[in-house]
Amino acid sequence: MPDWTERLAYQKKQKKIYEAAILKKKEASKFRRIKKEQEKFWTPEEKDAVDYKLGRSQYAYYQDPSTPPNIFDRRQTLLLKMQDWHVQEKYLNSFQKHN
């Protein structure tokens, strides 16, 4: 199945930031009891990466199976969307036009 470089690069960048945020949360849990409080210490980029990974906030729309494939899809959501033959055909046609 074809994929595009920009989506892969975006996913890789978000994964790296997400892992840093989770590590920060684990480190902070050694010193704080309330885990929800720890999230307020995340940078905006870390909050965005967590939202991307969990499919919430603005990413809820983009990662929804009824939305056409886009750069904000994670690999899992893209594969889920490609299960639908109609979506797959439209995607492949647009991919061919792009290349």
C-alpha atoms as a PDB file:
ATOM      1  CA  MET A   1       0.000   0.000   0.000  1.00  0.00           C
ATOM      2  CA  PRO A   2       1.433   3.370  -0.899  1.00  0.00           C
ATOM      3  CA  ASP A   3       2.163   5.926   1.765  1.00  0.00           C
ATOM      4  CA  TRP A   4       3.577   9.396   1.511  1.00  0.00           C
ATOM      5  CA  THR A   5       6.756  10.843   2.930  1.00  0.00           C
ATOM      6  CA  GLU A   6       5.192  13.858   4.634  1.00  0.00           C
ATOM      7  CA  ARG A   7       2.768  11.730   6.678  1.00  0.00           C
ATOM      8  CA  LEU A   8       5.544   9.380   7.728  1.00  0.00           C
ATOM      9  CA  ALA A   9       7.803  12.288   8.705  1.00  0.00           C
ATOM     10  CA  TYR A  10       4.992  13.903  10.725  1.00  0.00           C
ATOM     11  CA  GLN A  11       4.255  10.625  12.510  1.00  0.00           C
ATOM     12  CA  LYS A  12       7.944  10.108  13.310  1.00  0.00           C
ATOM     13  CA  LYS A  13       8.276  13.647  14.699  1.00  0.00           C
ATOM     14  CA  GLN A  14       5.147  13.282  16.838  1.00  0.00           C
ATOM     15  CA  LYS A  15       6.272   9.876  18.125  1.00  0.00           C
ATOM     16  CA  LYS A  16       9.598  11.308  19.280  1.00  0.00           C
ATOM     17  CA  ILE A  17       7.894  14.177  21.129  1.00  0.00           C
ATOM     18  CA  TYR A  18       5.262  11.822  22.581  1.00  0.00           C
ATOM     19  CA  GLU A  19       7.929   9.527  23.986  1.00  0.00           C
ATOM     20  CA  ALA A  20       9.668  12.510  25.601  1.00  0.00           C
ATOM     21  CA  ALA A  21       6.370  13.618  27.184  1.00  0.00           C
ATOM     22  CA  ILE A  22       5.670  10.155  28.579  1.00  0.00           C
ATOM     23  CA  LEU A  23       9.201   9.944  29.957  1.00  0.00           C
ATOM     24  CA  LYS A  24       8.728  13.342  31.589  1.00  0.00           C
ATOM     25  CA  LYS A  25       5.469  12.117  33.100  1.00  0.00           C
ATOM     26  CA  LYS A  26       7.114   8.963  34.472  1.00  0.00           C
ATOM     27  CA  GLU A  27       9.963  10.965  35.966  1.00  0.00           C
ATOM     28  CA  ALA A  28       7.545  13.424  37.549  1.00  0.00           C
ATOM     29  CA  SER A  29       5.462  10.609  39.045  1.00  0.00           C
ATOM     30  CA  LYS A  30       8.382   9.798  41.324  1.00  0.00           C
ATOM     31  CA  PHE A  31       7.899  13.161  43.006  1.00  0.00           C
ATOM     32  CA  ARG A  32       4.165  13.882  42.651  1.00  0.00           C
ATOM     33  CA  ARG A  33       1.147  11.838  43.613  1.00  0.00           C
ATOM     34  CA  ILE A  34      -1.475  13.324  41.285  1.00  0.00           C
ATOM     35  CA  LYS A  35      -0.778  12.184  37.729  1.00  0.00           C
ATOM     36  CA  LYS A  36      -3.272  14.562  36.092  1.00  0.00           C
ATOM     37  CA  GLU A  37      -1.338  17.506  37.535  1.00  0.00           C
ATOM     38  CA  GLN A  38       1.795  16.381  35.693  1.00  0.00           C
ATOM     39  CA  GLU A  39       0.269  17.096  32.289  1.00  0.00           C
ATOM     40  CA  LYS A  40       0.268  20.824  33.000  1.00  0.00           C
ATOM     41  CA  PHE A  41       4.076  20.726  32.871  1.00  0.00           C
ATOM     42  CA  TRP A  42       4.108  19.516  29.271  1.00  0.00           C
ATOM     43  CA  THR A  43       5.115  21.931  26.544  1.00  0.00           C
ATOM     44  CA  PRO A  44       2.534  22.756  23.857  1.00  0.00           C
ATOM     45  CA  GLU A  45       4.423  20.464  21.457  1.00  0.00           C
ATOM     46  CA  GLU A  46       4.241  17.595  23.953  1.00  0.00           C
ATOM     47  CA  LYS A  47       0.505  18.142  24.518  1.00  0.00           C
ATOM     48  CA  ASP A  48      -0.005  18.174  20.755  1.00  0.00           C
ATOM     49  CA  ALA A  49       1.962  14.934  20.325  1.00  0.00           C
ATOM     50  CA  VAL A  50      -0.089  13.228  23.057  1.00  0.00           C
ATOM     51  CA  ASP A  51      -3.308  14.409  21.393  1.00  0.00           C
ATOM     52  CA  TYR A  52      -2.008  13.052  18.071  1.00  0.00           C
ATOM     53  CA  LYS A  53      -1.169   9.668  19.567  1.00  0.00           C
ATOM     54  CA  LEU A  54      -4.482   9.369  21.425  1.00  0.00           C
ATOM     55  CA  GLY A  55      -6.574  10.790  18.564  1.00  0.00           C
ATOM     56  CA  ARG A  56      -8.142  13.577  20.579  1.00  0.00           C
ATOM     57  CA  SER A  57      -8.575  17.354  20.218  1.00  0.00           C
ATOM     58  CA  GLN A  58      -8.077  18.450  16.583  1.00  0.00           C
ATOM     59  CA  TYR A  59      -6.828  14.972  15.622  1.00  0.00           C
ATOM     60  CA  ALA A  60     -10.160  13.344  16.510  1.00  0.00           C
ATOM     61  CA  TYR A  61     -11.618  14.680  13.261  1.00  0.00           C
ATOM     62  CA  TYR A  62      -8.638  13.827  11.064  1.00  0.00           C
ATOM     63  CA  GLN A  63      -8.208  10.299  12.424  1.00  0.00           C
ATOM     64  CA  ASP A  64     -11.907   9.473  12.246  1.00  0.00           C
ATOM     65  CA  PRO A  65     -12.538   6.541   9.863  1.00  0.00           C
ATOM     66  CA  SER A  66     -15.121   8.569   7.919  1.00  0.00           C
ATOM     67  CA  THR A  67     -12.542  11.274   7.086  1.00  0.00           C
ATOM     68  CA  PRO A  68     -10.443  10.797   3.926  1.00  0.00           C
ATOM     69  CA  PRO A  69      -6.780   9.802   4.438  1.00  0.00           C
ATOM     70  CA  ASN A  70      -4.653  12.791   5.374  1.00  0.00           C
ATOM     71  CA  ILE A  71      -1.268  13.809   6.794  1.00  0.00           C
ATOM     72  CA  PHE A  72      -2.570  13.672  10.387  1.00  0.00           C
ATOM     73  CA  ASP A  73      -3.371   9.960  10.207  1.00  0.00           C
ATOM     74  CA  ARG A  74      -1.312   7.601  12.278  1.00  0.00           C
ATOM     75  CA  ARG A  75      -0.344   4.374  10.566  1.00  0.00           C
ATOM     76  CA  GLN A  76      -3.143   2.543  12.371  1.00  0.00           C
ATOM     77  CA  THR A  77      -5.851   5.018  11.362  1.00  0.00           C
ATOM     78  CA  LEU A  78      -4.621   5.067   7.765  1.00  0.00           C
ATOM     79  CA  LEU A  79      -4.797   1.270   7.585  1.00  0.00           C
ATOM     80  CA  LEU A  80      -8.255   1.304   9.135  1.00  0.00           C
ATOM     81  CA  LYS A  81      -9.428   3.777   6.506  1.00  0.00           C
ATOM     82  CA  MET A  82      -7.931   1.659   3.744  1.00  0.00           C
ATOM     83  CA  GLN A  83     -10.150  -1.269   4.784  1.00  0.00           C
ATOM     84  CA  ASP A  84     -13.006   0.560   3.036  1.00  0.00           C
ATOM     85  CA  TRP A  85     -12.752  -0.177  -0.713  1.00  0.00           C
ATOM     86  CA  HIS A  86     -14.395   3.101  -1.689  1.00  0.00           C
ATOM     87  CA  VAL A  87     -11.938   5.148   0.372  1.00  0.00           C
ATOM     88  CA  GLN A  88      -9.036   3.049  -0.886  1.00  0.00           C
ATOM     89  CA  GLU A  89      -9.982   3.623  -4.518  1.00  0.00           C
ATOM     90  CA  LYS A  90     -10.315   7.392  -4.035  1.00  0.00           C
ATOM     91  CA  TYR A  91      -6.984   7.487  -2.211  1.00  0.00           C
ATOM     92  CA  LEU A  92      -5.151   5.520  -4.884  1.00  0.00           C
ATOM     93  CA  ASN A  93      -6.587   7.728  -7.629  1.00  0.00           C
ATOM     94  CA  SER A  94      -5.478  10.894  -5.838  1.00  0.00           C
ATOM     95  CA  PHE A  95      -2.078   9.315  -5.143  1.00  0.00           C
ATOM     96  CA  GLN A  96      -1.602   8.577  -8.845  1.00  0.00           C
ATOM     97  CA  LYS A  97      -2.574  12.147  -9.756  1.00  0.00           C
ATOM     98  CA  HIS A  98      -0.104  13.464  -7.181  1.00  0.00           C
ATOM     99  CA  ASN A  99       2.745  11.448  -8.690  1.00  0.00           C
END
